[in-house]
Amino acid sequence: MVEWKPRIVAFLCRWCAGSAAELAGISRLSYPAEIIPIILPCSGRVSPRLIIEAFLNGADGVLIGGCHTPNDCHYISGNFKAFKRVYLLKKLLSQLGMNPMRLRIEWISATEAQKLVRVVEEFLNEVENLGPLGGIFHEKA
């Protein structure tokens, strides 16, 4: 019997969270292979459609990694846009029958490779405890 492992899509800002992922690799820090990193110019470019499509295409969780703090965004307001979208999407996902804990946003500096690894491992464990996402937006009983 094959043990189930969650699939996590991680949308990472090129300048900070994405750079932290690269630094983790250079530093030989390992994080679970169930994470599928997608590097984007800014967390503000992660549209609700991308998140929904990730879930529809088999992701059990979605992680968004943005610049170190909302005030430090390289594109000025990108982190604020991402935060507002995640807030609204969590409400929507809940109404659709999905646990909103399957969507997470974190602020990670380019120099915080260890934080990225910790966040990825924590999120993977949280999603693993929730179990597989059964059907379209419905938790398995």
N, C-alpha and C. Protein backbone atom coordinates (compact mmCIF):
# COMPACT_ATOMS: atom_id res chain seq x y z
N MET A 1 0.84 -1.18 0.00
CA MET A 1 0.00 0.00 0.00
C MET A 1 0.89 1.25 0.00
N VAL A 2 0.55 2.18 -0.85
CA VAL A 2 1.32 3.42 -0.97
C VAL A 2 0.80 4.43 0.05
N GLU A 3 1.72 5.00 0.80
CA GLU A 3 1.35 6.00 1.79
C GLU A 3 1.05 7.33 1.10
N TRP A 4 -0.07 7.94 1.48
CA TRP A 4 -0.45 9.22 0.89
C TRP A 4 0.43 10.35 1.43
N LYS A 5 0.89 11.19 0.54
CA LYS A 5 1.62 12.40 0.91
C LYS A 5 0.93 13.57 0.21
N PRO A 6 0.70 14.66 0.93
CA PRO A 6 0.03 15.79 0.30
C PRO A 6 0.90 16.46 -0.76
N ARG A 7 0.24 17.03 -1.76
CA ARG A 7 0.93 17.83 -2.77
C ARG A 7 0.66 19.29 -2.46
N ILE A 8 1.72 20.07 -2.36
CA ILE A 8 1.63 21.48 -2.02
C ILE A 8 2.19 22.31 -3.17
N VAL A 9 1.44 23.26 -3.65
CA VAL A 9 1.93 24.22 -4.63
C VAL A 9 2.34 25.46 -3.86
N ALA A 10 3.57 25.92 -4.10
CA ALA A 10 4.09 27.10 -3.41
C ALA A 10 4.38 28.19 -4.44
N PHE A 11 3.60 29.27 -4.39
CA PHE A 11 3.85 30.43 -5.23
C PHE A 11 4.79 31.35 -4.46
N LEU A 12 6.00 31.54 -4.97
CA LEU A 12 7.02 32.28 -4.24
C LEU A 12 7.45 33.52 -5.01
N CYS A 13 7.55 34.62 -4.29
CA CYS A 13 8.02 35.89 -4.84
C CYS A 13 9.49 35.72 -5.27
N ARG A 14 9.82 36.18 -6.44
CA ARG A 14 11.17 36.05 -6.98
C ARG A 14 12.22 36.69 -6.07
N TRP A 15 11.89 37.82 -5.50
CA TRP A 15 12.89 38.62 -4.79
C TRP A 15 13.18 38.13 -3.38
N CYS A 16 12.21 37.55 -2.71
CA CYS A 16 12.43 37.16 -1.31
C CYS A 16 12.22 35.66 -1.10
N ALA A 17 10.98 35.20 -1.06
CA ALA A 17 10.72 33.79 -0.75
C ALA A 17 11.36 32.86 -1.78
N GLY A 18 11.32 33.25 -3.04
CA GLY A 18 11.97 32.44 -4.08
C GLY A 18 13.48 32.41 -3.92
N SER A 19 14.04 33.54 -3.55
CA SER A 19 15.49 33.59 -3.29
C SER A 19 15.85 32.77 -2.06
N ALA A 20 14.98 32.76 -1.06
CA ALA A 20 15.20 31.92 0.13
C ALA A 20 15.20 30.44 -0.26
N ALA A 21 14.33 30.06 -1.20
CA ALA A 21 14.31 28.67 -1.67
C ALA A 21 15.62 28.33 -2.39
N GLU A 22 16.12 29.27 -3.18
CA GLU A 22 17.41 29.05 -3.85
C GLU A 22 18.54 28.96 -2.82
N LEU A 23 18.51 29.82 -1.82
CA LEU A 23 19.53 29.80 -0.77
C LEU A 23 19.47 28.48 0.00
N ALA A 24 18.27 27.98 0.22
CA ALA A 24 18.13 26.69 0.91
C ALA A 24 18.82 25.59 0.10
N GLY A 25 18.66 25.63 -1.21
CA GLY A 25 19.33 24.65 -2.07
C GLY A 25 20.84 24.80 -2.05
N ILE A 26 21.30 26.03 -2.16
CA ILE A 26 22.74 26.29 -2.14
C ILE A 26 23.34 25.88 -0.81
N SER A 27 22.58 26.09 0.27
CA SER A 27 23.05 25.77 1.62
C SER A 27 22.86 24.29 1.96
N ARG A 28 22.33 23.54 1.01
CA ARG A 28 22.07 22.10 1.19
C ARG A 28 21.07 21.82 2.31
N LEU A 29 20.15 22.75 2.50
CA LEU A 29 19.04 22.51 3.43
C LEU A 29 17.98 21.76 2.64
N SER A 30 17.42 20.75 3.23
CA SER A 30 16.41 19.99 2.49
C SER A 30 15.03 20.29 3.03
N TYR A 31 14.08 20.28 2.12
CA TYR A 31 12.68 20.37 2.51
C TYR A 31 11.91 19.35 1.68
N PRO A 32 10.73 18.98 2.11
CA PRO A 32 10.00 17.86 1.48
C PRO A 32 9.79 18.06 -0.03
N ALA A 33 9.91 16.97 -0.74
CA ALA A 33 9.75 16.98 -2.19
C ALA A 33 8.30 17.16 -2.62
N GLU A 34 7.36 17.11 -1.68
CA GLU A 34 5.94 17.29 -2.01
C GLU A 34 5.61 18.74 -2.34
N ILE A 35 6.56 19.63 -2.14
CA ILE A 35 6.37 21.05 -2.43
C ILE A 35 6.75 21.31 -3.88
N ILE A 36 5.84 21.93 -4.61
CA ILE A 36 6.11 22.30 -6.00
C ILE A 36 6.26 23.82 -6.03
N PRO A 37 7.52 24.32 -6.07
CA PRO A 37 7.71 25.77 -6.06
C PRO A 37 7.48 26.39 -7.44
N ILE A 38 6.76 27.48 -7.45
CA ILE A 38 6.54 28.25 -8.68
C ILE A 38 6.97 29.68 -8.35
N ILE A 39 7.97 30.16 -9.07
CA ILE A 39 8.52 31.49 -8.81
C ILE A 39 7.79 32.51 -9.69
N LEU A 40 7.28 33.55 -9.04
CA LEU A 40 6.59 34.64 -9.72
C LEU A 40 7.29 35.96 -9.38
N PRO A 41 7.09 37.00 -10.18
CA PRO A 41 7.73 38.28 -9.86
C PRO A 41 7.34 38.83 -8.49
N CYS A 42 6.10 38.58 -8.06
CA CYS A 42 5.61 39.19 -6.82
C CYS A 42 4.43 38.37 -6.29
N SER A 43 4.30 38.31 -4.97
CA SER A 43 3.15 37.60 -4.39
C SER A 43 1.84 38.26 -4.82
N GLY A 44 1.89 39.54 -5.14
CA GLY A 44 0.70 40.25 -5.62
C GLY A 44 0.23 39.77 -6.98
N ARG A 45 1.05 38.99 -7.67
CA ARG A 45 0.67 38.46 -8.98
C ARG A 45 -0.05 37.12 -8.87
N VAL A 46 -0.19 36.60 -7.66
CA VAL A 46 -0.89 35.33 -7.46
C VAL A 46 -2.39 35.63 -7.45
N SER A 47 -3.02 35.35 -8.55
CA SER A 47 -4.44 35.63 -8.67
C SER A 47 -5.26 34.53 -8.00
N PRO A 48 -6.48 34.85 -7.59
CA PRO A 48 -7.36 33.81 -7.04
C PRO A 48 -7.52 32.64 -8.01
N ARG A 49 -7.52 32.93 -9.30
CA ARG A 49 -7.67 31.88 -10.31
C ARG A 49 -6.51 30.87 -10.22
N LEU A 50 -5.28 31.36 -10.04
CA LEU A 50 -4.14 30.45 -9.92
C LEU A 50 -4.30 29.52 -8.73
N ILE A 51 -4.78 30.06 -7.63
CA ILE A 51 -4.96 29.26 -6.42
C ILE A 51 -6.04 28.21 -6.63
N ILE A 52 -7.17 28.62 -7.16
CA ILE A 52 -8.27 27.68 -7.43
C ILE A 52 -7.82 26.60 -8.41
N GLU A 53 -7.10 26.99 -9.46
CA GLU A 53 -6.63 26.01 -10.44
C GLU A 53 -5.65 25.02 -9.81
N ALA A 54 -4.84 25.49 -8.87
CA ALA A 54 -3.93 24.57 -8.19
C ALA A 54 -4.73 23.50 -7.45
N PHE A 55 -5.77 23.91 -6.74
CA PHE A 55 -6.61 22.94 -6.03
C PHE A 55 -7.34 22.02 -7.01
N LEU A 56 -7.86 22.58 -8.09
CA LEU A 56 -8.58 21.77 -9.07
C LEU A 56 -7.67 20.76 -9.75
N ASN A 57 -6.37 21.06 -9.83
CA ASN A 57 -5.42 20.18 -10.49
C ASN A 57 -4.68 19.27 -9.51
N GLY A 58 -5.22 19.11 -8.31
CA GLY A 58 -4.69 18.10 -7.42
C GLY A 58 -3.87 18.56 -6.23
N ALA A 59 -3.71 19.86 -6.04
CA ALA A 59 -2.97 20.33 -4.87
C ALA A 59 -3.83 20.11 -3.62
N ASP A 60 -3.19 19.66 -2.55
CA ASP A 60 -3.88 19.51 -1.27
C ASP A 60 -3.71 20.76 -0.42
N GLY A 61 -2.77 21.63 -0.80
CA GLY A 61 -2.53 22.87 -0.10
C GLY A 61 -1.80 23.85 -1.00
N VAL A 62 -1.97 25.14 -0.73
CA VAL A 62 -1.29 26.18 -1.48
C VAL A 62 -0.62 27.13 -0.50
N LEU A 63 0.67 27.35 -0.73
CA LEU A 63 1.47 28.26 0.08
C LEU A 63 1.89 29.44 -0.78
N ILE A 64 1.72 30.64 -0.24
CA ILE A 64 2.19 31.84 -0.93
C ILE A 64 3.27 32.46 -0.08
N GLY A 65 4.43 32.69 -0.68
CA GLY A 65 5.54 33.32 0.03
C GLY A 65 5.85 34.66 -0.59
N GLY A 66 5.77 35.70 0.25
CA GLY A 66 6.03 37.05 -0.23
C GLY A 66 7.24 37.67 0.44
N CYS A 67 7.51 38.91 0.11
CA CYS A 67 8.65 39.64 0.67
C CYS A 67 8.57 39.70 2.19
N HIS A 68 9.70 39.98 2.80
CA HIS A 68 9.91 39.90 4.25
C HIS A 68 8.78 40.47 5.10
N THR A 69 8.31 41.64 4.80
CA THR A 69 7.15 42.22 5.49
C THR A 69 6.29 42.92 4.45
N PRO A 70 5.02 43.15 4.74
CA PRO A 70 4.18 43.84 3.77
C PRO A 70 4.75 45.20 3.34
N ASN A 71 5.48 45.87 4.21
CA ASN A 71 6.05 47.18 3.85
C ASN A 71 7.32 47.08 3.02
N ASP A 72 7.89 45.89 2.89
CA ASP A 72 9.14 45.72 2.16
C ASP A 72 8.98 45.14 0.77
N CYS A 73 7.78 45.12 0.24
CA CYS A 73 7.53 44.54 -1.08
C CYS A 73 8.32 45.31 -2.15
N HIS A 74 8.98 44.58 -3.02
CA HIS A 74 9.74 45.21 -4.10
C HIS A 74 8.84 45.96 -5.07
N TYR A 75 7.56 45.59 -5.10
CA TYR A 75 6.62 46.27 -5.98
C TYR A 75 5.63 47.11 -5.17
N ILE A 76 6.02 47.54 -4.02
CA ILE A 76 5.34 48.46 -3.11
C ILE A 76 4.08 47.87 -2.48
N SER A 77 3.08 47.51 -3.28
CA SER A 77 1.81 47.07 -2.69
C SER A 77 1.48 45.61 -2.97
N GLY A 78 2.40 44.87 -3.54
CA GLY A 78 2.12 43.47 -3.89
C GLY A 78 1.73 42.61 -2.71
N ASN A 79 2.45 42.76 -1.59
CA ASN A 79 2.13 41.96 -0.41
C ASN A 79 0.74 42.27 0.12
N PHE A 80 0.35 43.54 0.08
CA PHE A 80 -0.98 43.91 0.54
C PHE A 80 -2.06 43.28 -0.34
N LYS A 81 -1.83 43.29 -1.65
CA LYS A 81 -2.78 42.65 -2.57
C LYS A 81 -2.90 41.16 -2.28
N ALA A 82 -1.75 40.51 -2.11
CA ALA A 82 -1.75 39.06 -1.83
C ALA A 82 -2.48 38.77 -0.53
N PHE A 83 -2.21 39.55 0.51
CA PHE A 83 -2.84 39.33 1.81
C PHE A 83 -4.36 39.46 1.70
N LYS A 84 -4.84 40.51 1.02
CA LYS A 84 -6.28 40.71 0.88
C LYS A 84 -6.92 39.56 0.10
N ARG A 85 -6.25 39.10 -0.95
CA ARG A 85 -6.79 38.00 -1.76
C ARG A 85 -6.88 36.72 -0.95
N VAL A 86 -5.83 36.43 -0.17
CA VAL A 86 -5.83 35.22 0.64
C VAL A 86 -6.94 35.29 1.69
N TYR A 87 -7.10 36.44 2.31
CA TYR A 87 -8.16 36.63 3.31
C TYR A 87 -9.53 36.31 2.71
N LEU A 88 -9.81 36.88 1.54
CA LEU A 88 -11.11 36.65 0.89
C LEU A 88 -11.24 35.21 0.41
N LEU A 89 -10.17 34.66 -0.14
CA LEU A 89 -10.23 33.28 -0.63
C LEU A 89 -10.45 32.27 0.48
N LYS A 90 -9.87 32.52 1.64
CA LYS A 90 -10.09 31.61 2.77
C LYS A 90 -11.58 31.57 3.13
N LYS A 91 -12.23 32.72 3.11
CA LYS A 91 -13.67 32.77 3.39
C LYS A 91 -14.45 31.99 2.32
N LEU A 92 -14.08 32.21 1.06
CA LEU A 92 -14.75 31.53 -0.04
C LEU A 92 -14.54 30.02 0.03
N LEU A 93 -13.30 29.59 0.26
CA LEU A 93 -13.01 28.16 0.34
C LEU A 93 -13.80 27.50 1.46
N SER A 94 -13.92 28.19 2.57
CA SER A 94 -14.69 27.68 3.70
C SER A 94 -16.15 27.48 3.31
N GLN A 95 -16.71 28.44 2.58
CA GLN A 95 -18.10 28.34 2.15
C GLN A 95 -18.30 27.21 1.14
N LEU A 96 -17.21 26.85 0.42
CA LEU A 96 -17.29 25.78 -0.56
C LEU A 96 -17.01 24.41 0.06
N GLY A 97 -16.80 24.38 1.37
CA GLY A 97 -16.60 23.11 2.06
C GLY A 97 -15.15 22.70 2.26
N MET A 98 -14.22 23.60 1.98
CA MET A 98 -12.81 23.29 2.14
C MET A 98 -12.25 23.96 3.38
N ASN A 99 -11.41 23.25 4.11
CA ASN A 99 -10.77 23.84 5.28
C ASN A 99 -9.85 24.97 4.82
N PRO A 100 -10.04 26.19 5.32
CA PRO A 100 -9.22 27.33 4.88
C PRO A 100 -7.75 27.22 5.28
N MET A 101 -7.44 26.26 6.17
CA MET A 101 -6.04 26.05 6.56
C MET A 101 -5.22 25.46 5.42
N ARG A 102 -5.86 25.08 4.34
CA ARG A 102 -5.15 24.55 3.17
C ARG A 102 -4.50 25.67 2.36
N LEU A 103 -4.78 26.89 2.70
CA LEU A 103 -4.19 28.05 2.03
C LEU A 103 -3.43 28.87 3.07
N ARG A 104 -2.17 29.14 2.80
CA ARG A 104 -1.33 29.85 3.78
C ARG A 104 -0.46 30.88 3.07
N ILE A 105 -0.27 32.01 3.73
CA ILE A 105 0.61 33.05 3.23
C ILE A 105 1.66 33.35 4.29
N GLU A 106 2.89 33.53 3.85
CA GLU A 106 4.01 33.81 4.76
C GLU A 106 4.91 34.86 4.15
N TRP A 107 5.52 35.65 5.01
CA TRP A 107 6.49 36.67 4.59
C TRP A 107 7.88 36.13 4.91
N ILE A 108 8.71 35.95 3.89
CA ILE A 108 10.02 35.31 4.05
C ILE A 108 11.06 36.12 3.30
N SER A 109 12.09 36.55 4.01
CA SER A 109 13.20 37.31 3.42
C SER A 109 14.08 36.40 2.57
N ALA A 110 14.81 36.99 1.65
CA ALA A 110 15.73 36.24 0.80
C ALA A 110 16.81 35.54 1.61
N THR A 111 17.11 36.05 2.80
CA THR A 111 18.16 35.47 3.64
C THR A 111 17.62 34.44 4.64
N GLU A 112 16.32 34.19 4.61
CA GLU A 112 15.70 33.31 5.59
C GLU A 112 15.41 31.91 5.04
N ALA A 113 16.45 31.26 4.56
CA ALA A 113 16.29 29.90 4.02
C ALA A 113 15.78 28.94 5.08
N GLN A 114 16.30 29.07 6.30
CA GLN A 114 15.86 28.17 7.37
C GLN A 114 14.39 28.41 7.73
N LYS A 115 13.95 29.66 7.67
CA LYS A 115 12.53 29.94 7.92
C LYS A 115 11.67 29.31 6.82
N LEU A 116 12.12 29.40 5.58
CA LEU A 116 11.37 28.80 4.48
C LEU A 116 11.23 27.30 4.71
N VAL A 117 12.31 26.63 5.08
CA VAL A 117 12.26 25.20 5.33
C VAL A 117 11.30 24.89 6.47
N ARG A 118 11.36 25.68 7.54
CA ARG A 118 10.46 25.46 8.69
C ARG A 118 9.00 25.65 8.28
N VAL A 119 8.70 26.72 7.55
CA VAL A 119 7.33 27.00 7.11
C VAL A 119 6.81 25.88 6.22
N VAL A 120 7.63 25.44 5.28
CA VAL A 120 7.24 24.36 4.37
C VAL A 120 6.93 23.09 5.15
N GLU A 121 7.80 22.74 6.09
CA GLU A 121 7.58 21.52 6.88
C GLU A 121 6.33 21.64 7.75
N GLU A 122 6.14 22.80 8.38
CA GLU A 122 4.93 23.01 9.20
C GLU A 122 3.67 22.89 8.36
N PHE A 123 3.68 23.56 7.22
CA PHE A 123 2.49 23.56 6.36
C PHE A 123 2.21 22.15 5.84
N LEU A 124 3.25 21.44 5.44
CA LEU A 124 3.06 20.07 4.97
C LEU A 124 2.44 19.21 6.06
N ASN A 125 2.92 19.35 7.29
CA ASN A 125 2.35 18.59 8.41
C ASN A 125 0.89 18.96 8.67
N GLU A 126 0.57 20.26 8.59
CA GLU A 126 -0.82 20.70 8.78
C GLU A 126 -1.73 20.09 7.73
N VAL A 127 -1.30 20.14 6.48
CA VAL A 127 -2.12 19.61 5.39
C VAL A 127 -2.21 18.09 5.49
N GLU A 128 -1.11 17.45 5.88
CA GLU A 128 -1.12 16.00 6.06
C GLU A 128 -2.13 15.60 7.13
N ASN A 129 -2.22 16.38 8.21
CA ASN A 129 -3.20 16.10 9.27
C ASN A 129 -4.63 16.30 8.80
N LEU A 130 -4.83 17.20 7.82
CA LEU A 130 -6.17 17.40 7.27
C LEU A 130 -6.59 16.24 6.38
N GLY A 131 -5.62 15.55 5.81
CA GLY A 131 -5.91 14.41 4.93
C GLY A 131 -6.09 14.85 3.49
N PRO A 132 -6.31 13.89 2.60
CA PRO A 132 -6.48 14.20 1.19
C PRO A 132 -7.69 15.08 0.93
N LEU A 133 -7.57 15.90 -0.06
CA LEU A 133 -8.70 16.76 -0.46
C LEU A 133 -9.55 15.92 -1.41
N GLY A 134 -10.71 15.48 -0.94
CA GLY A 134 -11.56 14.62 -1.74
C GLY A 134 -12.52 15.41 -2.59
N GLY A 135 -12.73 14.99 -3.82
CA GLY A 135 -13.66 15.67 -4.71
C GLY A 135 -13.22 17.10 -4.98
N ILE A 136 -14.08 17.86 -5.56
CA ILE A 136 -13.76 19.25 -5.84
C ILE A 136 -14.20 20.09 -4.65
N PHE A 137 -13.23 20.55 -3.89
CA PHE A 137 -13.44 21.43 -2.75
C PHE A 137 -14.25 20.80 -1.62
N HIS A 138 -14.21 19.52 -1.47
CA HIS A 138 -14.91 18.89 -0.36
C HIS A 138 -13.93 18.01 0.40
N GLU A 139 -13.89 18.20 1.70
CA GLU A 139 -13.02 17.40 2.55
C GLU A 139 -13.57 15.97 2.60
N LYS A 140 -12.65 15.01 2.63
CA LYS A 140 -13.06 13.62 2.79
C LYS A 140 -13.47 13.40 4.24
N ALA A 141 -14.53 12.64 4.45
CA ALA A 141 -15.00 12.38 5.81
C ALA A 141 -14.15 11.31 6.47
